[in-house]
Amino acid sequence: MLEKIEKIKAENVANPPASVWQYEYNGQVVYFIPQKCCDIPSSLYDSNCNLICSPDGGFTGKGDGKCKDFFEKRTKEKLIWKDERK
């Protein structure tokens, strides 16, 4: 996940600021990067940084439909990183 954070830090500051959250979902540790804006989908990664799905965002606002229950089933929320740049 550190590589993902470094990539975000190399980009312009997003509005709202980018963040990375850790959860448990379907018995595994996952990392959620919320959508940056509007039609951009969010990203959910497994512990090996493999993309699982996009829970929300995109043109429909509902992500890619591969993990529709993420927001209901996620537990153990933990903020891993938040972009503090201005």
PDB file of N, CA and C in Angstrom:
ATOM      1  N   MET A   1       0.827  -1.188   0.000  1.00  0.00           N
ATOM      2  CA  MET A   1       0.000   0.000   0.000  1.00  0.00           C
ATOM      3  C   MET A   1       0.876   1.259   0.000  1.00  0.00           C
ATOM      4  N   LEU A   2       2.096   1.141   0.477  1.00  0.00           N
ATOM      5  CA  LEU A   2       2.990   2.303   0.482  1.00  0.00           C
ATOM      6  C   LEU A   2       3.243   2.824  -0.932  1.00  0.00           C
ATOM      7  N   GLU A   3       3.320   1.921  -1.908  1.00  0.00           N
ATOM      8  CA  GLU A   3       3.516   2.354  -3.293  1.00  0.00           C
ATOM      9  C   GLU A   3       2.318   3.159  -3.785  1.00  0.00           C
ATOM     10  N   LYS A   4       1.115   2.745  -3.407  1.00  0.00           N
ATOM     11  CA  LYS A   4      -0.101   3.475  -3.790  1.00  0.00           C
ATOM     12  C   LYS A   4      -0.086   4.873  -3.170  1.00  0.00           C
ATOM     13  N   ILE A   5       0.309   4.960  -1.915  1.00  0.00           N
ATOM     14  CA  ILE A   5       0.367   6.254  -1.230  1.00  0.00           C
ATOM     15  C   ILE A   5       1.400   7.156  -1.892  1.00  0.00           C
ATOM     16  N   GLU A   6       2.561   6.607  -2.219  1.00  0.00           N
ATOM     17  CA  GLU A   6       3.595   7.411  -2.882  1.00  0.00           C
ATOM     18  C   GLU A   6       3.105   7.918  -4.236  1.00  0.00           C
ATOM     19  N   LYS A   7       2.360   7.097  -4.944  1.00  0.00           N
ATOM     20  CA  LYS A   7       1.809   7.519  -6.235  1.00  0.00           C
ATOM     21  C   LYS A   7       0.829   8.685  -6.043  1.00  0.00           C
ATOM     22  N   ILE A   8      -0.020   8.584  -5.028  1.00  0.00           N
ATOM     23  CA  ILE A   8      -0.978   9.660  -4.734  1.00  0.00           C
ATOM     24  C   ILE A   8      -0.226  10.943  -4.379  1.00  0.00           C
ATOM     25  N   LYS A   9       0.841  10.815  -3.592  1.00  0.00           N
ATOM     26  CA  LYS A   9       1.608  11.989  -3.176  1.00  0.00           C
ATOM     27  C   LYS A   9       2.293  12.685  -4.353  1.00  0.00           C
ATOM     28  N   ALA A  10       2.539  11.942  -5.422  1.00  0.00           N
ATOM     29  CA  ALA A  10       3.170  12.518  -6.609  1.00  0.00           C
ATOM     30  C   ALA A  10       2.166  13.267  -7.487  1.00  0.00           C
ATOM     31  N   GLU A  11       0.868  13.069  -7.220  1.00  0.00           N
ATOM     32  CA  GLU A  11      -0.184  13.737  -7.979  1.00  0.00           C
ATOM     33  C   GLU A  11      -0.529  15.067  -7.330  1.00  0.00           C
ATOM     34  N   ASN A  12      -1.310  15.868  -8.022  1.00  0.00           N
ATOM     35  CA  ASN A  12      -1.812  17.103  -7.436  1.00  0.00           C
ATOM     36  C   ASN A  12      -2.734  16.773  -6.265  1.00  0.00           C
ATOM     37  N   VAL A  13      -2.853  17.701  -5.347  1.00  0.00           N
ATOM     38  CA  VAL A  13      -3.735  17.516  -4.198  1.00  0.00           C
ATOM     39  C   VAL A  13      -5.173  17.406  -4.688  1.00  0.00           C
ATOM     40  N   ALA A  14      -5.864  16.387  -4.214  1.00  0.00           N
ATOM     41  CA  ALA A  14      -7.267  16.179  -4.591  1.00  0.00           C
ATOM     42  C   ALA A  14      -8.181  16.972  -3.669  1.00  0.00           C
ATOM     43  N   ASN A  15      -9.398  17.195  -4.116  1.00  0.00           N
ATOM     44  CA  ASN A  15     -10.399  17.861  -3.288  1.00  0.00           C
ATOM     45  C   ASN A  15     -11.672  17.026  -3.324  1.00  0.00           C
ATOM     46  N   PRO A  16     -12.002  16.308  -2.267  1.00  0.00           N
ATOM     47  CA  PRO A  16     -11.367  16.309  -0.948  1.00  0.00           C
ATOM     48  C   PRO A  16     -10.010  15.600  -0.974  1.00  0.00           C
ATOM     49  N   PRO A  17      -9.166  15.859   0.047  1.00  0.00           N
ATOM     50  CA  PRO A  17      -7.849  15.233   0.100  1.00  0.00           C
ATOM     51  C   PRO A  17      -7.944  13.707   0.076  1.00  0.00           C
ATOM     52  N   ALA A  18      -6.999  13.084  -0.596  1.00  0.00           N
ATOM     53  CA  ALA A  18      -6.954  11.626  -0.692  1.00  0.00           C
ATOM     54  C   ALA A  18      -6.709  11.006   0.685  1.00  0.00           C
ATOM     55  N   SER A  19      -7.196   9.778   0.838  1.00  0.00           N
ATOM     56  CA  SER A  19      -6.981   9.036   2.076  1.00  0.00           C
ATOM     57  C   SER A  19      -7.002   7.544   1.782  1.00  0.00           C
ATOM     58  N   VAL A  20      -6.431   6.776   2.696  1.00  0.00           N
ATOM     59  CA  VAL A  20      -6.417   5.319   2.596  1.00  0.00           C
ATOM     60  C   VAL A  20      -6.942   4.764   3.914  1.00  0.00           C
ATOM     61  N   TRP A  21      -7.933   3.900   3.820  1.00  0.00           N
ATOM     62  CA  TRP A  21      -8.586   3.315   4.990  1.00  0.00           C
ATOM     63  C   TRP A  21      -8.423   1.803   4.985  1.00  0.00           C
ATOM     64  N   GLN A  22      -8.222   1.233   6.167  1.00  0.00           N
ATOM     65  CA  GLN A  22      -8.132  -0.217   6.304  1.00  0.00           C
ATOM     66  C   GLN A  22      -9.420  -0.725   6.943  1.00  0.00           C
ATOM     67  N   TYR A  23      -9.913  -1.846   6.449  1.00  0.00           N
ATOM     68  CA  TYR A  23     -11.111  -2.488   6.991  1.00  0.00           C
ATOM     69  C   TYR A  23     -10.917  -3.995   6.977  1.00  0.00           C
ATOM     70  N   GLU A  24     -11.846  -4.689   7.626  1.00  0.00           N
ATOM     71  CA  GLU A  24     -12.012  -6.116   7.403  1.00  0.00           C
ATOM     72  C   GLU A  24     -13.280  -6.256   6.576  1.00  0.00           C
ATOM     73  N   TYR A  25     -13.196  -7.080   5.542  1.00  0.00           N
ATOM     74  CA  TYR A  25     -14.327  -7.294   4.637  1.00  0.00           C
ATOM     75  C   TYR A  25     -14.257  -8.725   4.124  1.00  0.00           C
ATOM     76  N   ASN A  26     -15.315  -9.448   4.305  1.00  0.00           N
ATOM     77  CA  ASN A  26     -15.372 -10.859   3.882  1.00  0.00           C
ATOM     78  C   ASN A  26     -14.197 -11.675   4.417  1.00  0.00           C
ATOM     79  N   GLY A  27     -13.843 -11.432   5.674  1.00  0.00           N
ATOM     80  CA  GLY A  27     -12.802 -12.216   6.338  1.00  0.00           C
ATOM     81  C   GLY A  27     -11.378 -11.847   5.979  1.00  0.00           C
ATOM     82  N   GLN A  28     -11.179 -10.742   5.285  1.00  0.00           N
ATOM     83  CA  GLN A  28      -9.817 -10.347   4.941  1.00  0.00           C
ATOM     84  C   GLN A  28      -9.583  -8.863   5.198  1.00  0.00           C
ATOM     85  N   VAL A  29      -8.314  -8.503   5.357  1.00  0.00           N
ATOM     86  CA  VAL A  29      -7.935  -7.105   5.499  1.00  0.00           C
ATOM     87  C   VAL A  29      -7.935  -6.488   4.107  1.00  0.00           C
ATOM     88  N   VAL A  30      -8.589  -5.336   3.983  1.00  0.00           N
ATOM     89  CA  VAL A  30      -8.663  -4.632   2.702  1.00  0.00           C
ATOM     90  C   VAL A  30      -8.328  -3.165   2.909  1.00  0.00           C
ATOM     91  N   TYR A  31      -8.006  -2.501   1.804  1.00  0.00           N
ATOM     92  CA  TYR A  31      -7.666  -1.086   1.834  1.00  0.00           C
ATOM     93  C   TYR A  31      -8.562  -0.348   0.853  1.00  0.00           C
ATOM     94  N   PHE A  32      -9.189   0.704   1.352  1.00  0.00           N
ATOM     95  CA  PHE A  32     -10.156   1.475   0.574  1.00  0.00           C
ATOM     96  C   PHE A  32      -9.614   2.868   0.320  1.00  0.00           C
ATOM     97  N   ILE A  33      -9.612   3.270  -0.958  1.00  0.00           N
ATOM     98  CA  ILE A  33      -9.238   4.630  -1.343  1.00  0.00           C
ATOM     99  C   ILE A  33     -10.499   5.273  -1.903  1.00  0.00           C
ATOM    100  N   PRO A  34     -11.097   6.214  -1.146  1.00  0.00           N
ATOM    101  CA  PRO A  34     -12.335   6.855  -1.594  1.00  0.00           C
ATOM    102  C   PRO A  34     -12.161   7.577  -2.929  1.00  0.00           C
ATOM    103  N   GLN A  35     -13.275   7.754  -3.622  1.00  0.00           N
ATOM    104  CA  GLN A  35     -13.241   8.464  -4.898  1.00  0.00           C
ATOM    105  C   GLN A  35     -12.775   9.884  -4.691  1.00  0.00           C
ATOM    106  N   LYS A  36     -12.099  10.427  -5.694  1.00  0.00           N
ATOM    107  CA  LYS A  36     -11.589  11.798  -5.612  1.00  0.00           C
ATOM    108  C   LYS A  36     -12.689  12.801  -5.906  1.00  0.00           C
ATOM    109  N   CYS A  37     -13.509  12.484  -6.861  1.00  0.00           N
ATOM    110  CA  CYS A  37     -14.539  13.428  -7.264  1.00  0.00           C
ATOM    111  C   CYS A  37     -15.490  12.765  -8.246  1.00  0.00           C
ATOM    112  N   CYS A  38     -16.664  13.233  -8.239  1.00  0.00           N
ATOM    113  CA  CYS A  38     -17.664  13.005  -9.288  1.00  0.00           C
ATOM    114  C   CYS A  38     -17.660  11.609  -9.903  1.00  0.00           C
ATOM    115  N   ASP A  39     -17.203  11.515 -11.148  1.00  0.00           N
ATOM    116  CA  ASP A  39     -17.293  10.279 -11.909  1.00  0.00           C
ATOM    117  C   ASP A  39     -16.097   9.349 -11.733  1.00  0.00           C
ATOM    118  N   ILE A  40     -15.209   9.670 -10.829  1.00  0.00           N
ATOM    119  CA  ILE A  40     -14.034   8.826 -10.606  1.00  0.00           C
ATOM    120  C   ILE A  40     -14.393   7.755  -9.570  1.00  0.00           C
ATOM    121  N   PRO A  41     -14.214   6.471  -9.892  1.00  0.00           N
ATOM    122  CA  PRO A  41     -14.574   5.427  -8.941  1.00  0.00           C
ATOM    123  C   PRO A  41     -13.582   5.307  -7.781  1.00  0.00           C
ATOM    124  N   SER A  42     -14.072   4.813  -6.661  1.00  0.00           N
ATOM    125  CA  SER A  42     -13.206   4.492  -5.533  1.00  0.00           C
ATOM    126  C   SER A  42     -12.497   3.177  -5.842  1.00  0.00           C
ATOM    127  N   SER A  43     -11.549   2.787  -4.978  1.00  0.00           N
ATOM    128  CA  SER A  43     -10.799   1.544  -5.191  1.00  0.00           C
ATOM    129  C   SER A  43     -10.712   0.764  -3.898  1.00  0.00           C
ATOM    130  N   LEU A  44     -10.922  -0.547  -4.003  1.00  0.00           N
ATOM    131  CA  LEU A  44     -10.781  -1.445  -2.856  1.00  0.00           C
ATOM    132  C   LEU A  44      -9.735  -2.488  -3.219  1.00  0.00           C
ATOM    133  N   TYR A  45      -8.686  -2.592  -2.381  1.00  0.00           N
ATOM    134  CA  TYR A  45      -7.571  -3.496  -2.639  1.00  0.00           C
ATOM    135  C   TYR A  45      -7.472  -4.562  -1.549  1.00  0.00           C
ATOM    136  N   ASP A  46      -6.950  -5.733  -1.923  1.00  0.00           N
ATOM    137  CA  ASP A  46      -6.666  -6.754  -0.923  1.00  0.00           C
ATOM    138  C   ASP A  46      -5.329  -6.429  -0.259  1.00  0.00           C
ATOM    139  N   SER A  47      -4.883  -7.282   0.648  1.00  0.00           N
ATOM    140  CA  SER A  47      -3.654  -7.006   1.397  1.00  0.00           C
ATOM    141  C   SER A  47      -2.397  -7.069   0.530  1.00  0.00           C
ATOM    142  N   ASN A  48      -2.513  -7.601  -0.693  1.00  0.00           N
ATOM    143  CA  ASN A  48      -1.393  -7.639  -1.634  1.00  0.00           C
ATOM    144  C   ASN A  48      -1.483  -6.538  -2.682  1.00  0.00           C
ATOM    145  N   CYS A  49      -2.360  -5.562  -2.448  1.00  0.00           N
ATOM    146  CA  CYS A  49      -2.575  -4.419  -3.352  1.00  0.00           C
ATOM    147  C   CYS A  49      -3.151  -4.813  -4.705  1.00  0.00           C
ATOM    148  N   ASN A  50      -3.891  -5.912  -4.741  1.00  0.00           N
ATOM    149  CA  ASN A  50      -4.616  -6.290  -5.945  1.00  0.00           C
ATOM    150  C   ASN A  50      -5.993  -5.645  -5.881  1.00  0.00           C
ATOM    151  N   LEU A  51      -6.405  -5.005  -6.960  1.00  0.00           N
ATOM    152  CA  LEU A  51      -7.712  -4.355  -7.001  1.00  0.00           C
ATOM    153  C   LEU A  51      -8.814  -5.411  -6.923  1.00  0.00           C
ATOM    154  N   ILE A  52      -9.706  -5.239  -5.946  1.00  0.00           N
ATOM    155  CA  ILE A  52     -10.851  -6.135  -5.782  1.00  0.00           C
ATOM    156  C   ILE A  52     -12.042  -5.584  -6.555  1.00  0.00           C
ATOM    157  N   CYS A  53     -12.326  -4.294  -6.349  1.00  0.00           N
ATOM    158  CA  CYS A  53     -13.502  -3.690  -6.954  1.00  0.00           C
ATOM    159  C   CYS A  53     -13.484  -2.185  -6.736  1.00  0.00           C
ATOM    160  N   SER A  54     -14.523  -1.541  -7.251  1.00  0.00           N
ATOM    161  CA  SER A  54     -14.779  -0.121  -7.010  1.00  0.00           C
ATOM    162  C   SER A  54     -16.147  -0.025  -6.347  1.00  0.00           C
ATOM    163  N   PRO A  55     -16.180   0.133  -5.017  1.00  0.00           N
ATOM    164  CA  PRO A  55     -17.459   0.123  -4.298  1.00  0.00           C
ATOM    165  C   PRO A  55     -18.418   1.253  -4.645  1.00  0.00           C
ATOM    166  N   ASP A  56     -17.883   2.418  -5.020  1.00  0.00           N
ATOM    167  CA  ASP A  56     -18.762   3.540  -5.367  1.00  0.00           C
ATOM    168  C   ASP A  56     -18.072   4.440  -6.370  1.00  0.00           C
ATOM    169  N   GLY A  57     -18.775   5.492  -6.780  1.00  0.00           N
ATOM    170  CA  GLY A  57     -18.231   6.412  -7.761  1.00  0.00           C
ATOM    171  C   GLY A  57     -18.484   5.932  -9.178  1.00  0.00           C
ATOM    172  N   GLY A  58     -17.790   6.527 -10.120  1.00  0.00           N
ATOM    173  CA  GLY A  58     -18.015   6.211 -11.525  1.00  0.00           C
ATOM    174  C   GLY A  58     -19.238   6.944 -12.048  1.00  0.00           C
ATOM    175  N   PHE A  59     -19.602   6.674 -13.282  1.00  0.00           N
ATOM    176  CA  PHE A  59     -20.716   7.381 -13.918  1.00  0.00           C
ATOM    177  C   PHE A  59     -22.043   7.183 -13.202  1.00  0.00           C
ATOM    178  N   THR A  60     -22.272   5.978 -12.659  1.00  0.00           N
ATOM    179  CA  THR A  60     -23.539   5.706 -11.979  1.00  0.00           C
ATOM    180  C   THR A  60     -23.504   6.094 -10.509  1.00  0.00           C
ATOM    181  N   GLY A  61     -22.302   6.279  -9.967  1.00  0.00           N
ATOM    182  CA  GLY A  61     -22.158   6.546  -8.543  1.00  0.00           C
ATOM    183  C   GLY A  61     -22.178   5.278  -7.704  1.00  0.00           C
ATOM    184  N   LYS A  62     -22.386   4.132  -8.347  1.00  0.00           N
ATOM    185  CA  LYS A  62     -22.505   2.855  -7.642  1.00  0.00           C
ATOM    186  C   LYS A  62     -21.301   1.946  -7.858  1.00  0.00           C
ATOM    187  N   GLY A  63     -20.204   2.486  -8.359  1.00  0.00           N
ATOM    188  CA  GLY A  63     -19.009   1.682  -8.579  1.00  0.00           C
ATOM    189  C   GLY A  63     -19.178   0.695  -9.705  1.00  0.00           C
ATOM    190  N   ASP A  64     -18.406  -0.400  -9.640  1.00  0.00           N
ATOM    191  CA  ASP A  64     -18.453  -1.390 -10.711  1.00  0.00           C
ATOM    192  C   ASP A  64     -19.412  -2.543 -10.421  1.00  0.00           C
ATOM    193  N   GLY A  65     -20.085  -2.516  -9.268  1.00  0.00           N
ATOM    194  CA  GLY A  65     -21.073  -3.537  -8.934  1.00  0.00           C
ATOM    195  C   GLY A  65     -20.498  -4.850  -8.448  1.00  0.00           C
ATOM    196  N   LYS A  66     -19.186  -4.953  -8.288  1.00  0.00           N
ATOM    197  CA  LYS A  66     -18.556  -6.212  -7.878  1.00  0.00           C
ATOM    198  C   LYS A  66     -18.546  -6.425  -6.368  1.00  0.00           C
ATOM    199  N   CYS A  67     -18.802  -5.365  -5.608  1.00  0.00           N
ATOM    200  CA  CYS A  67     -18.809  -5.501  -4.143  1.00  0.00           C
ATOM    201  C   CYS A  67     -19.879  -4.575  -3.568  1.00  0.00           C
ATOM    202  N   LYS A  68     -21.100  -4.809  -3.979  1.00  0.00           N
ATOM    203  CA  LYS A  68     -22.230  -3.956  -3.597  1.00  0.00           C
ATOM    204  C   LYS A  68     -22.435  -3.873  -2.090  1.00  0.00           C
ATOM    205  N   ASP A  69     -21.978  -4.908  -1.354  1.00  0.00           N
ATOM    206  CA  ASP A  69     -22.214  -4.967   0.087  1.00  0.00           C
ATOM    207  C   ASP A  69     -21.057  -4.428   0.923  1.00  0.00           C
ATOM    208  N   PHE A  70     -20.054  -3.838   0.291  1.00  0.00           N
ATOM    209  CA  PHE A  70     -18.879  -3.386   1.034  1.00  0.00           C
ATOM    210  C   PHE A  70     -19.228  -2.438   2.175  1.00  0.00           C
ATOM    211  N   PHE A  71     -20.030  -1.436   1.899  1.00  0.00           N
ATOM    212  CA  PHE A  71     -20.325  -0.432   2.923  1.00  0.00           C
ATOM    213  C   PHE A  71     -21.147  -0.997   4.070  1.00  0.00           C
ATOM    214  N   GLU A  72     -21.926  -2.026   3.835  1.00  0.00           N
ATOM    215  CA  GLU A  72     -22.723  -2.657   4.892  1.00  0.00           C
ATOM    216  C   GLU A  72     -21.900  -3.660   5.702  1.00  0.00           C
ATOM    217  N   LYS A  73     -20.966  -4.350   5.047  1.00  0.00           N
ATOM    218  CA  LYS A  73     -20.242  -5.449   5.699  1.00  0.00           C
ATOM    219  C   LYS A  73     -18.859  -5.078   6.238  1.00  0.00           C
ATOM    220  N   ARG A  74     -18.334  -3.941   5.882  1.00  0.00           N
ATOM    221  CA  ARG A  74     -16.992  -3.585   6.342  1.00  0.00           C
ATOM    222  C   ARG A  74     -16.989  -3.363   7.853  1.00  0.00           C
ATOM    223  N   THR A  75     -15.872  -3.708   8.481  1.00  0.00           N
ATOM    224  CA  THR A  75     -15.714  -3.525   9.929  1.00  0.00           C
ATOM    225  C   THR A  75     -14.276  -3.092  10.220  1.00  0.00           C
ATOM    226  N   LYS A  76     -14.048  -2.739  11.452  1.00  0.00           N
ATOM    227  CA  LYS A  76     -12.715  -2.392  11.969  1.00  0.00           C
ATOM    228  C   LYS A  76     -12.042  -1.283  11.158  1.00  0.00           C
ATOM    229  N   GLU A  77     -12.757  -0.182  11.004  1.00  0.00           N
ATOM    230  CA  GLU A  77     -12.245   0.958  10.252  1.00  0.00           C
ATOM    231  C   GLU A  77     -10.997   1.539  10.900  1.00  0.00           C
ATOM    232  N   LYS A  78      -9.990   1.817  10.076  1.00  0.00           N
ATOM    233  CA  LYS A  78      -8.750   2.413  10.565  1.00  0.00           C
ATOM    234  C   LYS A  78      -8.177   3.304   9.473  1.00  0.00           C
ATOM    235  N   LEU A  79      -7.960   4.582   9.785  1.00  0.00           N
ATOM    236  CA  LEU A  79      -7.325   5.487   8.842  1.00  0.00           C
ATOM    237  C   LEU A  79      -5.840   5.156   8.775  1.00  0.00           C
ATOM    238  N   ILE A  80      -5.359   4.845   7.577  1.00  0.00           N
ATOM    239  CA  ILE A  80      -3.953   4.506   7.375  1.00  0.00           C
ATOM    240  C   ILE A  80      -3.153   5.742   6.999  1.00  0.00           C
ATOM    241  N   TRP A  81      -3.735   6.580   6.124  1.00  0.00           N
ATOM    242  CA  TRP A  81      -3.029   7.768   5.656  1.00  0.00           C
ATOM    243  C   TRP A  81      -4.034   8.773   5.110  1.00  0.00           C
ATOM    244  N   LYS A  82      -3.740  10.061   5.324  1.00  0.00           N
ATOM    245  CA  LYS A  82      -4.538  11.121   4.744  1.00  0.00           C
ATOM    246  C   LYS A  82      -3.591  12.195   4.230  1.00  0.00           C
ATOM    247  N   ASP A  83      -3.871  12.694   3.045  1.00  0.00           N
ATOM    248  CA  ASP A  83      -3.036  13.727   2.441  1.00  0.00           C
ATOM    249  C   ASP A  83      -3.254  15.031   3.187  1.00  0.00           C
ATOM    250  N   GLU A  84      -2.216  15.525   3.823  1.00  0.00           N
ATOM    251  CA  GLU A  84      -2.291  16.755   4.623  1.00  0.00           C
ATOM    252  C   GLU A  84      -1.802  17.973   3.851  1.00  0.00           C
ATOM    253  N   ARG A  85      -1.431  17.766   2.584  1.00  0.00           N
ATOM    254  CA  ARG A  85      -0.941  18.901   1.799  1.00  0.00           C
ATOM    255  C   ARG A  85      -2.088  19.885   1.549  1.00  0.00           C
ATOM    256  N   LYS A  86      -1.729  21.123   1.344  1.00  0.00           N
ATOM    257  CA  LYS A  86      -2.707  22.173   1.065  1.00  0.00           C
ATOM    258  C   LYS A  86      -2.679  22.545  -0.392  1.00  0.00           C
TER     259      LYS A  86
END
